[in-house]
């Protein structure tokens, strides 16, 4: 079984990070408007969900394009769309758990968990979509997941739960939260890539590939 060696295109990675920051800020701006808007709250929520979900997805999508994988297969379009749906769905569940809810620790942990699942599900499904079987190093994968979770936890706490910090009084809260979220997404992408070993699916039996990954 031959392992795939990867390298990065820095220009595409930089573009992906910038787009993720823009999507994160747009999403947070829409989510924070929900508290002050008496109408169109549903559209603001959907807009924020799609914006951040696509932002998380585009980091992984452009990141995969930026990887120089020898003999990498072509994209599986249905699985690529499925990874996008995963990102949007988990993002919606995350912010549904924190927006308009009582400031409880459980809600904050649930929101951070769903955002972490958005990053992980998009990454795994994206790898599967290009015909790669992924094996994660358990220790690095666990550390990566904890860092992603902690970053989302801090960002959501600062934006929605902190009593001493209010985005109505501190205009830097939203930009900083957007940078933290984008940083968590980008950091998750890099650490997950570094903790992974890639193998062509053709070298693994179909049953093993499906059970071991998806």
C-alpha atoms as a PDB file:
ATOM      1  CA  UNK A   1       0.000   0.000   0.000  1.00  0.00           C
ATOM      2  CA  UNK A   2       1.644   3.207  -1.210  1.00  0.00           C
ATOM      3  CA  UNK A   3       1.306   6.338   0.875  1.00  0.00           C
ATOM      4  CA  UNK A   4       0.570   9.597  -0.924  1.00  0.00           C
ATOM      5  CA  UNK A   5       2.985  12.471  -0.286  1.00  0.00           C
ATOM      6  CA  UNK A   6       1.400  15.940  -0.236  1.00  0.00           C
ATOM      7  CA  UNK A   7       2.689  19.479  -0.639  1.00  0.00           C
ATOM      8  CA  UNK A   8       0.905  22.827  -0.487  1.00  0.00           C
ATOM      9  CA  UNK A   9       0.315  25.689  -2.898  1.00  0.00           C
ATOM     10  CA  UNK A  10       0.736  28.740  -0.606  1.00  0.00           C
ATOM     11  CA  UNK A  11      -1.153  31.145  -2.885  1.00  0.00           C
ATOM     12  CA  UNK A  12      -4.304  29.024  -2.891  1.00  0.00           C
ATOM     13  CA  UNK A  13      -4.017  28.416   0.840  1.00  0.00           C
ATOM     14  CA  UNK A  14      -3.754  32.183   1.440  1.00  0.00           C
ATOM     15  CA  UNK A  15      -6.824  32.797  -0.732  1.00  0.00           C
ATOM     16  CA  UNK A  16      -8.750  30.114   1.157  1.00  0.00           C
ATOM     17  CA  UNK A  17      -7.881  31.680   4.520  1.00  0.00           C
ATOM     18  CA  UNK A  18      -8.960  35.157   3.361  1.00  0.00           C
ATOM     19  CA  UNK A  19     -12.273  33.824   2.051  1.00  0.00           C
ATOM     20  CA  UNK A  20     -12.864  31.957   5.310  1.00  0.00           C
ATOM     21  CA  UNK A  21     -12.231  35.125   7.342  1.00  0.00           C
ATOM     22  CA  UNK A  22     -14.676  37.070   5.162  1.00  0.00           C
ATOM     23  CA  UNK A  23     -17.329  34.341   5.431  1.00  0.00           C
ATOM     24  CA  UNK A  24     -16.859  34.102   9.213  1.00  0.00           C
ATOM     25  CA  UNK A  25     -17.220  37.847   9.742  1.00  0.00           C
ATOM     26  CA  UNK A  26     -20.294  37.997   7.482  1.00  0.00           C
ATOM     27  CA  UNK A  27     -21.894  35.106   9.373  1.00  0.00           C
ATOM     28  CA  UNK A  28     -21.206  36.596  12.801  1.00  0.00           C
ATOM     29  CA  UNK A  29     -22.527  39.967  11.653  1.00  0.00           C
ATOM     30  CA  UNK A  30     -25.784  38.326  10.559  1.00  0.00           C
ATOM     31  CA  UNK A  31     -26.066  36.269  13.740  1.00  0.00           C
ATOM     32  CA  UNK A  32     -25.565  39.272  16.004  1.00  0.00           C
ATOM     33  CA  UNK A  33     -28.221  41.203  14.063  1.00  0.00           C
ATOM     34  CA  UNK A  34     -30.781  38.594  15.101  1.00  0.00           C
ATOM     35  CA  UNK A  35     -30.881  39.982  18.656  1.00  0.00           C
ATOM     36  CA  UNK A  36     -31.654  43.503  17.473  1.00  0.00           C
ATOM     37  CA  UNK A  37     -33.942  42.674  14.563  1.00  0.00           C
ATOM     38  CA  UNK A  38     -37.635  42.147  15.204  1.00  0.00           C
ATOM     39  CA  UNK A  39     -38.289  40.845  11.720  1.00  0.00           C
ATOM     40  CA  UNK A  40     -36.467  38.607   9.257  1.00  0.00           C
ATOM     41  CA  UNK A  41     -34.767  36.701  12.053  1.00  0.00           C
ATOM     42  CA  UNK A  42     -35.177  33.449  10.167  1.00  0.00           C
ATOM     43  CA  UNK A  43     -33.528  34.880   7.044  1.00  0.00           C
ATOM     44  CA  UNK A  44     -30.679  36.325   9.102  1.00  0.00           C
ATOM     45  CA  UNK A  45     -30.131  32.936  10.734  1.00  0.00           C
ATOM     46  CA  UNK A  46     -30.204  31.093   7.423  1.00  0.00           C
ATOM     47  CA  UNK A  47     -27.879  33.654   5.860  1.00  0.00           C
ATOM     48  CA  UNK A  48     -25.382  33.346   8.701  1.00  0.00           C
ATOM     49  CA  UNK A  49     -25.586  29.561   8.623  1.00  0.00           C
ATOM     50  CA  UNK A  50     -24.946  29.353   4.887  1.00  0.00           C
ATOM     51  CA  UNK A  51     -22.160  31.929   5.070  1.00  0.00           C
ATOM     52  CA  UNK A  52     -20.176  30.191   7.810  1.00  0.00           C
ATOM     53  CA  UNK A  53     -20.966  26.706   6.514  1.00  0.00           C
ATOM     54  CA  UNK A  54     -19.657  27.630   3.076  1.00  0.00           C
ATOM     55  CA  UNK A  55     -16.683  29.376   4.690  1.00  0.00           C
ATOM     56  CA  UNK A  56     -15.678  26.194   6.514  1.00  0.00           C
ATOM     57  CA  UNK A  57     -16.259  24.128   3.393  1.00  0.00           C
ATOM     58  CA  UNK A  58     -14.325  26.426   1.062  1.00  0.00           C
ATOM     59  CA  UNK A  59     -11.234  26.271   3.268  1.00  0.00           C
ATOM     60  CA  UNK A  60     -11.176  22.513   2.900  1.00  0.00           C
ATOM     61  CA  UNK A  61     -12.165  22.525  -0.779  1.00  0.00           C
ATOM     62  CA  UNK A  62      -9.544  25.038  -1.917  1.00  0.00           C
ATOM     63  CA  UNK A  63      -7.096  23.425   0.496  1.00  0.00           C
ATOM     64  CA  UNK A  64      -7.543  20.081  -1.226  1.00  0.00           C
ATOM     65  CA  UNK A  65      -7.103  21.752  -4.609  1.00  0.00           C
ATOM     66  CA  UNK A  66      -3.934  23.367  -3.256  1.00  0.00           C
ATOM     67  CA  UNK A  67      -2.482  19.998  -2.271  1.00  0.00           C
ATOM     68  CA  UNK A  68      -0.262  18.445  -4.887  1.00  0.00           C
ATOM     69  CA  UNK A  69      -1.314  14.819  -4.587  1.00  0.00           C
ATOM     70  CA  UNK A  70       0.367  12.459  -7.007  1.00  0.00           C
ATOM     71  CA  UNK A  71      -2.141  10.349  -8.891  1.00  0.00           C
ATOM     72  CA  UNK A  72      -5.051  11.922  -7.050  1.00  0.00           C
ATOM     73  CA  UNK A  73      -8.419  11.028  -8.481  1.00  0.00           C
ATOM     74  CA  UNK A  74     -11.009  13.400  -9.853  1.00  0.00           C
ATOM     75  CA  UNK A  75     -13.669  14.874  -7.607  1.00  0.00           C
ATOM     76  CA  UNK A  76     -16.780  12.902  -6.790  1.00  0.00           C
ATOM     77  CA  UNK A  77     -19.369  15.663  -7.182  1.00  0.00           C
ATOM     78  CA  UNK A  78     -22.130  14.093  -5.021  1.00  0.00           C
ATOM     79  CA  UNK A  79     -19.706  13.573  -2.124  1.00  0.00           C
ATOM     80  CA  UNK A  80     -18.352  17.098  -2.574  1.00  0.00           C
ATOM     81  CA  UNK A  81     -21.900  18.463  -2.306  1.00  0.00           C
ATOM     82  CA  UNK A  82     -22.504  16.170   0.674  1.00  0.00           C
ATOM     83  CA  UNK A  83     -19.513  17.662   2.478  1.00  0.00           C
ATOM     84  CA  UNK A  84     -20.995  21.128   1.875  1.00  0.00           C
ATOM     85  CA  UNK A  85     -24.334  19.988   3.299  1.00  0.00           C
ATOM     86  CA  UNK A  86     -22.550  18.596   6.358  1.00  0.00           C
ATOM     87  CA  UNK A  87     -20.854  21.940   6.969  1.00  0.00           C
ATOM     88  CA  UNK A  88     -24.050  23.967   6.618  1.00  0.00           C
ATOM     89  CA  UNK A  89     -26.119  21.552   8.728  1.00  0.00           C
ATOM     90  CA  UNK A  90     -23.674  21.337  11.636  1.00  0.00           C
ATOM     91  CA  UNK A  91     -23.186  25.117  11.554  1.00  0.00           C
ATOM     92  CA  UNK A  92     -26.934  25.625  11.780  1.00  0.00           C
ATOM     93  CA  UNK A  93     -27.184  23.224  14.714  1.00  0.00           C
ATOM     94  CA  UNK A  94     -24.273  24.976  16.435  1.00  0.00           C
ATOM     95  CA  UNK A  95     -25.749  28.459  16.343  1.00  0.00           C
ATOM     96  CA  UNK A  96     -29.253  27.202  17.031  1.00  0.00           C
ATOM     97  CA  UNK A  97     -27.826  25.935  20.329  1.00  0.00           C
ATOM     98  CA  UNK A  98     -26.471  29.333  21.404  1.00  0.00           C
ATOM     99  CA  UNK A  99     -28.575  32.072  19.784  1.00  0.00           C
ATOM    100  CA  UNK A 100     -31.605  33.079  21.808  1.00  0.00           C
ATOM    101  CA  UNK A 101     -30.888  30.480  24.486  1.00  0.00           C
ATOM    102  CA  UNK A 102     -30.254  30.857  28.168  1.00  0.00           C
ATOM    103  CA  UNK A 103     -26.531  31.342  28.872  1.00  0.00           C
ATOM    104  CA  UNK A 104     -25.853  27.785  29.992  1.00  0.00           C
ATOM    105  CA  UNK A 105     -22.557  25.941  29.744  1.00  0.00           C
ATOM    106  CA  UNK A 106     -24.268  23.011  28.025  1.00  0.00           C
ATOM    107  CA  UNK A 107     -25.488  25.180  25.164  1.00  0.00           C
ATOM    108  CA  UNK A 108     -22.031  26.663  24.692  1.00  0.00           C
ATOM    109  CA  UNK A 109     -20.405  23.223  24.675  1.00  0.00           C
ATOM    110  CA  UNK A 110     -23.024  21.922  22.234  1.00  0.00           C
ATOM    111  CA  UNK A 111     -22.417  24.808  19.839  1.00  0.00           C
ATOM    112  CA  UNK A 112     -18.653  24.274  19.947  1.00  0.00           C
ATOM    113  CA  UNK A 113     -19.116  20.542  19.443  1.00  0.00           C
ATOM    114  CA  UNK A 114     -21.274  20.992  16.342  1.00  0.00           C
ATOM    115  CA  UNK A 115     -18.824  23.466  14.800  1.00  0.00           C
ATOM    116  CA  UNK A 116     -16.004  20.997  15.443  1.00  0.00           C
ATOM    117  CA  UNK A 117     -18.074  18.272  13.781  1.00  0.00           C
ATOM    118  CA  UNK A 118     -18.585  20.574  10.801  1.00  0.00           C
ATOM    119  CA  UNK A 119     -14.810  20.870  10.314  1.00  0.00           C
ATOM    120  CA  UNK A 120     -14.169  17.137  10.793  1.00  0.00           C
ATOM    121  CA  UNK A 121     -17.039  15.931   8.600  1.00  0.00           C
ATOM    122  CA  UNK A 122     -16.129  18.284   5.754  1.00  0.00           C
ATOM    123  CA  UNK A 123     -12.496  17.179   5.883  1.00  0.00           C
ATOM    124  CA  UNK A 124     -13.194  13.442   5.944  1.00  0.00           C
ATOM    125  CA  UNK A 125     -15.892  13.592   3.270  1.00  0.00           C
ATOM    126  CA  UNK A 126     -13.705  15.866   1.122  1.00  0.00           C
ATOM    127  CA  UNK A 127     -10.847  13.358   1.235  1.00  0.00           C
ATOM    128  CA  UNK A 128     -13.210  10.552   0.363  1.00  0.00           C
ATOM    129  CA  UNK A 129     -14.558  12.642  -2.550  1.00  0.00           C
ATOM    130  CA  UNK A 130     -11.153  12.660  -4.291  1.00  0.00           C
ATOM    131  CA  UNK A 131     -10.737   8.918  -3.954  1.00  0.00           C
ATOM    132  CA  UNK A 132      -8.360   8.964  -0.987  1.00  0.00           C
ATOM    133  CA  UNK A 133      -8.478   6.664   2.007  1.00  0.00           C
ATOM    134  CA  UNK A 134      -7.441   8.536   5.155  1.00  0.00           C
ATOM    135  CA  UNK A 135      -5.819   7.097   8.248  1.00  0.00           C
ATOM    136  CA  UNK A 136      -5.398   9.496  11.166  1.00  0.00           C
ATOM    137  CA  UNK A 137      -2.645   9.431  13.743  1.00  0.00           C
ATOM    138  CA  UNK A 138      -4.667   9.097  16.940  1.00  0.00           C
ATOM    139  CA  UNK A 139      -2.613  11.394  19.184  1.00  0.00           C
ATOM    140  CA  UNK A 140      -2.234  14.255  16.709  1.00  0.00           C
ATOM    141  CA  UNK A 141      -5.866  13.880  15.657  1.00  0.00           C
ATOM    142  CA  UNK A 142      -7.039  14.109  19.270  1.00  0.00           C
ATOM    143  CA  UNK A 143      -4.883  17.178  19.931  1.00  0.00           C
ATOM    144  CA  UNK A 144      -6.125  18.795  16.704  1.00  0.00           C
ATOM    145  CA  UNK A 145      -9.750  18.168  17.636  1.00  0.00           C
ATOM    146  CA  UNK A 146      -9.280  19.599  21.131  1.00  0.00           C
ATOM    147  CA  UNK A 147      -7.614  22.752  19.771  1.00  0.00           C
ATOM    148  CA  UNK A 148     -10.419  23.259  17.235  1.00  0.00           C
ATOM    149  CA  UNK A 149     -13.051  22.718  19.939  1.00  0.00           C
ATOM    150  CA  UNK A 150     -11.341  25.099  22.370  1.00  0.00           C
ATOM    151  CA  UNK A 151     -11.032  27.809  19.711  1.00  0.00           C
ATOM    152  CA  UNK A 152     -14.728  27.613  18.858  1.00  0.00           C
ATOM    153  CA  UNK A 153     -15.617  27.513  22.551  1.00  0.00           C
ATOM    154  CA  UNK A 154     -13.689  30.697  23.304  1.00  0.00           C
ATOM    155  CA  UNK A 155     -15.079  32.510  20.270  1.00  0.00           C
ATOM    156  CA  UNK A 156     -18.715  31.654  21.046  1.00  0.00           C
ATOM    157  CA  UNK A 157     -18.261  32.511  24.725  1.00  0.00           C
ATOM    158  CA  UNK A 158     -16.740  35.877  23.878  1.00  0.00           C
ATOM    159  CA  UNK A 159     -19.438  36.718  21.339  1.00  0.00           C
ATOM    160  CA  UNK A 160     -22.623  35.451  23.000  1.00  0.00           C
ATOM    161  CA  UNK A 161     -22.004  34.538  26.636  1.00  0.00           C
ATOM    162  CA  UNK A 162     -19.503  36.920  28.187  1.00  0.00           C
ATOM    163  CA  UNK A 163     -21.191  39.440  30.480  1.00  0.00           C
ATOM    164  CA  UNK A 164     -18.203  41.761  30.571  1.00  0.00           C
ATOM    165  CA  UNK A 165     -17.736  41.767  26.785  1.00  0.00           C
ATOM    166  CA  UNK A 166     -20.517  43.072  24.579  1.00  0.00           C
ATOM    167  CA  UNK A 167     -20.233  43.599  20.845  1.00  0.00           C
ATOM    168  CA  UNK A 168     -22.531  46.611  21.184  1.00  0.00           C
ATOM    169  CA  UNK A 169     -19.845  48.335  23.306  1.00  0.00           C
ATOM    170  CA  UNK A 170     -16.703  46.689  21.948  1.00  0.00           C
ATOM    171  CA  UNK A 171     -16.644  46.854  18.170  1.00  0.00           C
ATOM    172  CA  UNK A 172     -13.554  44.659  18.036  1.00  0.00           C
ATOM    173  CA  UNK A 173     -15.425  41.614  19.372  1.00  0.00           C
ATOM    174  CA  UNK A 174     -16.850  40.532  16.019  1.00  0.00           C
ATOM    175  CA  UNK A 175     -13.627  40.926  13.993  1.00  0.00           C
ATOM    176  CA  UNK A 176     -11.651  39.099  16.680  1.00  0.00           C
ATOM    177  CA  UNK A 177     -14.241  36.315  16.893  1.00  0.00           C
ATOM    178  CA  UNK A 178     -14.212  35.979  13.106  1.00  0.00           C
ATOM    179  CA  UNK A 179     -10.418  35.709  13.121  1.00  0.00           C
ATOM    180  CA  UNK A 180     -10.521  33.069  15.873  1.00  0.00           C
ATOM    181  CA  UNK A 181     -13.132  31.019  14.012  1.00  0.00           C
ATOM    182  CA  UNK A 182     -11.268  31.314  10.711  1.00  0.00           C
ATOM    183  CA  UNK A 183      -8.051  30.457  12.513  1.00  0.00           C
ATOM    184  CA  UNK A 184      -9.677  27.394  14.053  1.00  0.00           C
ATOM    185  CA  UNK A 185     -10.894  26.247  10.632  1.00  0.00           C
ATOM    186  CA  UNK A 186      -7.502  26.821   8.986  1.00  0.00           C
ATOM    187  CA  UNK A 187      -5.604  25.311  11.904  1.00  0.00           C
ATOM    188  CA  UNK A 188      -7.930  22.320  11.844  1.00  0.00           C
ATOM    189  CA  UNK A 189      -7.305  21.847   8.142  1.00  0.00           C
ATOM    190  CA  UNK A 190      -3.514  21.919   8.500  1.00  0.00           C
ATOM    191  CA  UNK A 191      -3.369  19.720  11.599  1.00  0.00           C
ATOM    192  CA  UNK A 192      -5.789  17.186  10.144  1.00  0.00           C
ATOM    193  CA  UNK A 193      -3.732  17.058   6.961  1.00  0.00           C
ATOM    194  CA  UNK A 194      -0.523  16.618   8.941  1.00  0.00           C
ATOM    195  CA  UNK A 195      -2.047  13.914  11.130  1.00  0.00           C
ATOM    196  CA  UNK A 196      -3.317  11.964   8.123  1.00  0.00           C
ATOM    197  CA  UNK A 197      -1.869   9.321   5.881  1.00  0.00           C
ATOM    198  CA  UNK A 198      -3.387   9.190   2.393  1.00  0.00           C
ATOM    199  CA  UNK A 199      -3.745   6.064   0.286  1.00  0.00           C
ATOM    200  CA  UNK A 200      -5.509   5.511  -3.031  1.00  0.00           C
ATOM    201  CA  UNK A 201      -8.780   3.721  -2.460  1.00  0.00           C
ATOM    202  CA  UNK A 202      -7.916   1.310  -5.230  1.00  0.00           C
ATOM    203  CA  UNK A 203      -5.257  -0.244  -3.040  1.00  0.00           C
ATOM    204  CA  UNK A 204      -7.748  -1.032  -0.292  1.00  0.00           C
ATOM    205  CA  UNK A 205     -10.660  -3.396  -0.491  1.00  0.00           C
ATOM    206  CA  UNK A 206     -14.007  -1.691  -0.897  1.00  0.00           C
ATOM    207  CA  UNK A 207     -15.407  -3.101   2.308  1.00  0.00           C
ATOM    208  CA  UNK A 208     -12.406  -1.939   4.344  1.00  0.00           C
ATOM    209  CA  UNK A 209     -12.508   1.526   2.834  1.00  0.00           C
ATOM    210  CA  UNK A 210     -16.197   2.012   3.562  1.00  0.00           C
ATOM    211  CA  UNK A 211     -16.100   0.602   7.078  1.00  0.00           C
ATOM    212  CA  UNK A 212     -12.793   2.203   7.995  1.00  0.00           C
ATOM    213  CA  UNK A 213     -13.628   5.710   6.820  1.00  0.00           C
ATOM    214  CA  UNK A 214     -17.189   6.588   5.986  1.00  0.00           C
END
